């Protein structure tokens, strides 16, 4: 009887132990499962945070690239403007150089003309004769007589109009020649023929050798001071 009780007691104790162990295992499994779930949730949150940080970093990089592109565009635009300004300045400088060259050329031409007149007082006599010819041979008489008088140092236009009023033709037989030239004085000889209308209706022809005495003014322009006629 005691043996049966002992065996029964052992059996009950064993059952209780086994039952307790199962419950304990269930609790452990539940705890592990809970821990695993919590760890998974933490990992998911961590991944989500990292993803947000990565997206934010990508946005920052894209924004920086946009800013760099805008800056490069502005710099390129300024560079183009500077190149255009430089080209404009270069063109202005080139134009100024051209203007200076033109002024220099004109000045040199004037100087050459001045030297030419100083070296060749016969040019003044040639101009003077041409004015008379133009006035006589159908040009504006008054205007050409005025220009002819301006080749003299002191002669009025009216005196020329009076002297050549009756002349019908005035030509050069021999071109002007310099007889003498010293500094600002010179003598030039020219042979001319003039045809004058006579009172009786008959024209008279004269061959004249004229020697002109000339002086140069401060500007180098030759003026006729006086003349000497020699009728042939």
Protein backbone atom coordinates (compact mmCIF):
# COMPACT_ATOMS: atom_id res chain seq x y z
CA UNK A 1 0.00 0.00 0.00
CA UNK A 2 2.75 2.35 0.86
CA UNK A 3 4.48 1.38 -2.32
CA UNK A 4 1.43 2.25 -4.38
CA UNK A 5 1.18 5.59 -2.64
CA UNK A 6 4.82 6.26 -3.27
CA UNK A 7 4.48 5.34 -6.96
CA UNK A 8 1.36 7.46 -7.25
CA UNK A 9 3.10 10.34 -5.58
CA UNK A 10 6.07 10.01 -7.92
CA UNK A 11 3.76 9.90 -10.89
CA UNK A 12 1.90 13.03 -9.74
CA UNK A 13 5.17 14.87 -9.09
CA UNK A 14 6.50 13.83 -12.48
CA UNK A 15 3.32 15.01 -14.17
CA UNK A 16 3.49 18.30 -12.35
CA UNK A 17 7.14 18.74 -13.36
CA UNK A 18 6.38 17.90 -16.98
CA UNK A 19 3.43 20.26 -17.01
CA UNK A 20 5.47 23.04 -15.45
CA UNK A 21 8.22 22.46 -17.96
CA UNK A 22 5.82 22.73 -20.89
CA UNK A 23 4.39 25.95 -19.52
CA UNK A 24 7.87 27.25 -18.99
CA UNK A 25 8.76 26.37 -22.58
CA UNK A 26 5.68 28.11 -23.86
CA UNK A 27 6.59 31.18 -21.89
CA UNK A 28 10.16 31.04 -23.27
CA UNK A 29 8.90 30.63 -26.82
CA UNK A 30 6.52 33.51 -26.36
CA UNK A 31 9.31 35.65 -24.91
CA UNK A 32 11.62 34.76 -27.81
CA UNK A 33 8.88 35.45 -30.30
CA UNK A 34 8.19 38.80 -28.67
CA UNK A 35 11.87 39.70 -28.63
CA UNK A 36 12.18 38.71 -32.30
CA UNK A 37 9.20 40.86 -33.20
CA UNK A 38 10.62 43.83 -31.31
CA UNK A 39 14.01 43.38 -32.99
CA UNK A 40 12.37 43.21 -36.42
CA UNK A 41 10.42 46.39 -35.68
CA UNK A 42 13.62 48.16 -34.57
CA UNK A 43 15.43 47.02 -37.70
CA UNK A 44 12.58 48.24 -39.87
CA UNK A 45 12.62 51.62 -38.14
CA UNK A 46 16.39 51.83 -38.51
CA UNK A 47 16.17 51.00 -42.21
CA UNK A 48 13.43 53.58 -42.63
CA UNK A 49 15.53 56.23 -40.88
CA UNK A 50 18.52 55.35 -43.04
CA UNK A 51 16.39 55.52 -46.17
CA UNK A 52 15.09 58.94 -45.19
CA UNK A 53 18.63 60.14 -44.49
CA UNK A 54 19.78 58.78 -47.86
CA UNK A 55 16.91 60.50 -49.66
CA UNK A 56 17.72 63.74 -47.87
CA UNK A 57 21.38 63.40 -48.87
CA UNK A 58 20.37 62.76 -52.49
CA UNK A 59 18.19 65.89 -52.45
CA UNK A 60 21.07 67.94 -51.03
CA UNK A 61 23.42 66.64 -53.72
CA UNK A 62 20.89 67.39 -56.48
CA UNK A 63 20.32 70.88 -55.07
CA UNK A 64 24.06 71.48 -54.97
CA UNK A 65 24.41 70.32 -58.57
CA UNK A 66 21.62 72.69 -59.63
CA UNK A 67 23.33 75.58 -57.85
CA UNK A 68 26.64 74.69 -59.49
CA UNK A 69 24.99 74.56 -62.91
CA UNK A 70 23.35 77.94 -62.31
CA UNK A 71 26.67 79.41 -61.20
CA UNK A 72 28.46 77.98 -64.25
CA UNK A 73 25.73 79.36 -66.49
CA UNK A 74 26.09 82.81 -64.92
CA UNK A 75 29.88 82.66 -65.21
CA UNK A 76 29.64 81.60 -68.86
CA UNK A 77 27.18 84.40 -69.52
CA UNK A 78 29.49 86.93 -67.88
CA UNK A 79 32.39 85.50 -69.84
CA UNK A 80 30.45 85.96 -73.09
CA UNK A 81 29.56 89.53 -72.05
CA UNK A 82 33.19 90.23 -71.23
CA UNK A 83 34.25 88.82 -74.60
CA UNK A 84 31.66 90.99 -76.34
CA UNK A 85 32.85 94.03 -74.37
CA UNK A 86 36.45 93.20 -75.22
CA UNK A 87 35.52 92.87 -78.89
CA UNK A 88 33.65 96.17 -78.73
CA UNK A 89 36.61 97.86 -77.05
CA UNK A 90 38.96 96.35 -79.63
CA UNK A 91 36.74 97.64 -82.44
CA UNK A 92 36.65 101.10 -80.86
CA UNK A 93 40.43 101.11 -80.53
CA UNK A 94 40.77 99.96 -84.13
CA UNK A 95 38.39 102.69 -85.30
CA UNK A 96 40.29 105.31 -83.32
CA UNK A 97 43.53 104.09 -84.89
CA UNK A 98 41.96 104.33 -88.34
CA UNK A 99 40.77 107.88 -87.60
CA UNK A 100 44.21 108.85 -86.34
CA UNK A 101 45.81 107.32 -89.42
CA UNK A 102 43.39 109.24 -91.65
CA UNK A 103 44.13 112.49 -89.81
CA UNK A 104 47.84 111.79 -90.06
CA UNK A 105 47.50 111.04 -93.76
CA UNK A 106 45.53 114.24 -94.37
CA UNK A 107 48.09 116.21 -92.41
CA UNK A 108 50.89 114.67 -94.44
CA UNK A 109 49.02 115.43 -97.67
CA UNK A 110 48.57 119.05 -96.59
CA UNK A 111 52.24 119.25 -95.72
CA UNK A 112 53.15 117.79 -99.11
CA UNK A 113 50.87 120.27 -100.81
CA UNK A 114 52.45 123.07 -98.79
CA UNK A 115 55.94 121.90 -99.69
CA UNK A 116 54.85 121.50 -103.28
CA UNK A 117 53.68 125.09 -103.39
CA UNK A 118 56.82 126.31 -101.67
CA UNK A 119 58.98 124.35 -104.07
CA UNK A 120 56.84 125.13 -107.11
CA UNK A 121 55.51 128.71 -107.19
CA UNK A 122 54.61 128.05 -110.82
CA UNK A 123 51.57 126.11 -109.47
CA UNK A 124 50.09 129.42 -108.36
CA UNK A 125 50.61 130.88 -111.86
CA UNK A 126 49.01 127.80 -113.45
CA UNK A 127 45.95 128.14 -111.17
CA UNK A 128 45.77 131.87 -111.91
CA UNK A 129 45.79 131.36 -115.70
CA UNK A 130 43.12 128.64 -115.46
CA UNK A 131 40.76 130.96 -113.58
CA UNK A 132 41.15 133.60 -116.30
CA UNK A 133 40.58 131.03 -119.07
CA UNK A 134 37.45 129.66 -117.39
CA UNK A 135 36.02 133.14 -116.89
CA UNK A 136 36.62 134.11 -120.53
CA UNK A 137 35.62 130.84 -122.19
CA UNK A 138 32.09 130.42 -120.88
CA UNK A 139 32.52 129.92 -117.15
CA UNK A 140 31.14 132.19 -114.44
CA UNK A 141 33.05 135.35 -115.33
CA UNK A 142 32.59 137.21 -112.05
CA UNK A 143 33.35 134.17 -109.88
CA UNK A 144 36.49 133.21 -111.81
CA UNK A 145 37.77 136.78 -111.85
CA UNK A 146 37.32 136.82 -108.08
CA UNK A 147 39.36 133.62 -107.72
CA UNK A 148 42.03 135.01 -110.07
CA UNK A 149 42.28 138.17 -107.96
CA UNK A 150 42.79 136.03 -104.84
CA UNK A 151 46.03 134.70 -106.34
CA UNK A 152 47.45 138.19 -105.98
CA UNK A 153 48.76 139.77 -102.88
CA UNK A 154 46.69 142.92 -103.38
CA UNK A 155 44.38 143.12 -106.43
CA UNK A 156 40.67 143.77 -106.51
CA UNK A 157 38.15 141.68 -108.40
CA UNK A 158 36.86 144.76 -110.24
CA UNK A 159 40.29 145.44 -111.74
CA UNK A 160 40.33 141.95 -113.23
CA UNK A 161 36.81 142.28 -114.58
CA UNK A 162 37.83 145.53 -116.28
CA UNK A 163 41.10 144.12 -117.70
CA UNK A 164 39.60 140.97 -119.22
CA UNK A 165 36.14 142.18 -120.18
CA UNK A 166 37.04 142.54 -123.87
CA UNK A 167 39.24 139.42 -124.10
CA UNK A 168 37.69 136.63 -126.18
CA UNK A 169 40.42 134.04 -125.84
CA UNK A 170 43.27 133.44 -123.42
CA UNK A 171 45.65 130.47 -123.91
CA UNK A 172 49.08 129.34 -122.74
CA UNK A 173 51.77 128.97 -125.40
CA UNK A 174 54.54 127.97 -123.02
CA UNK A 175 53.98 126.49 -119.59
CA UNK A 176 55.11 128.45 -116.52
CA UNK A 177 58.83 128.24 -115.75
CA UNK A 178 60.65 129.24 -112.59
CA UNK A 179 63.34 131.81 -113.36
CA UNK A 180 64.47 132.33 -109.80
CA UNK A 181 63.54 131.14 -106.32
CA UNK A 182 65.14 132.19 -103.05
CA UNK A 183 63.40 131.40 -99.77
CA UNK A 184 59.98 133.02 -99.93
CA UNK A 185 60.47 134.92 -103.18
CA UNK A 186 60.33 133.66 -106.74
CA UNK A 187 60.05 134.71 -110.37
CA UNK A 188 57.97 132.73 -112.85
CA UNK A 189 57.74 133.32 -116.60
CA UNK A 190 54.90 132.22 -118.85
CA UNK A 191 54.11 132.88 -122.53
CA UNK A 192 50.46 133.45 -123.39
CA UNK A 193 48.26 134.49 -126.29
CA UNK A 194 45.14 136.52 -125.93
CA UNK A 195 42.57 137.59 -128.49
CA UNK A 196 40.79 140.85 -127.83
CA UNK A 197 37.71 142.18 -129.58
CA UNK A 198 38.44 145.39 -131.54
CA UNK A 199 36.23 148.42 -131.68
CA UNK A 200 35.96 148.10 -135.44
CA UNK A 201 34.75 144.50 -135.15
CA UNK A 202 38.15 143.07 -135.92
CA UNK A 203 39.83 140.89 -133.30
CA UNK A 204 43.38 141.66 -132.28
CA UNK A 205 45.80 138.94 -131.19
CA UNK A 206 48.63 139.49 -128.73
CA UNK A 207 51.53 137.24 -127.76
CA UNK A 208 52.76 138.15 -124.32
CA UNK A 209 55.63 136.95 -122.18
CA UNK A 210 54.75 137.70 -118.59
CA UNK A 211 57.17 137.53 -115.67
CA UNK A 212 55.45 137.25 -112.31
CA UNK A 213 57.09 138.17 -109.03
CA UNK A 214 55.77 136.02 -106.17
CA UNK A 215 56.10 135.86 -102.38
CA UNK A 216 55.09 133.11 -99.97
CA UNK A 217 53.02 133.89 -96.88
CA UNK A 218 53.43 132.29 -93.45
CA UNK A 219 51.23 129.38 -94.51
CA UNK A 220 53.41 128.64 -97.51
CA UNK A 221 50.89 129.87 -100.06
CA UNK A 222 52.39 131.78 -102.96
CA UNK A 223 50.89 135.12 -103.91
CA UNK A 224 51.58 137.25 -107.00
CA UNK A 225 53.11 140.56 -105.96
CA UNK A 226 53.63 142.12 -109.39
CA UNK A 227 54.23 141.29 -113.08
CA UNK A 228 56.17 142.56 -116.07
CA UNK A 229 54.73 142.33 -119.60
CA UNK A 230 56.88 141.82 -122.67
CA UNK A 231 54.97 142.02 -125.94
CA UNK A 232 56.40 139.94 -128.74
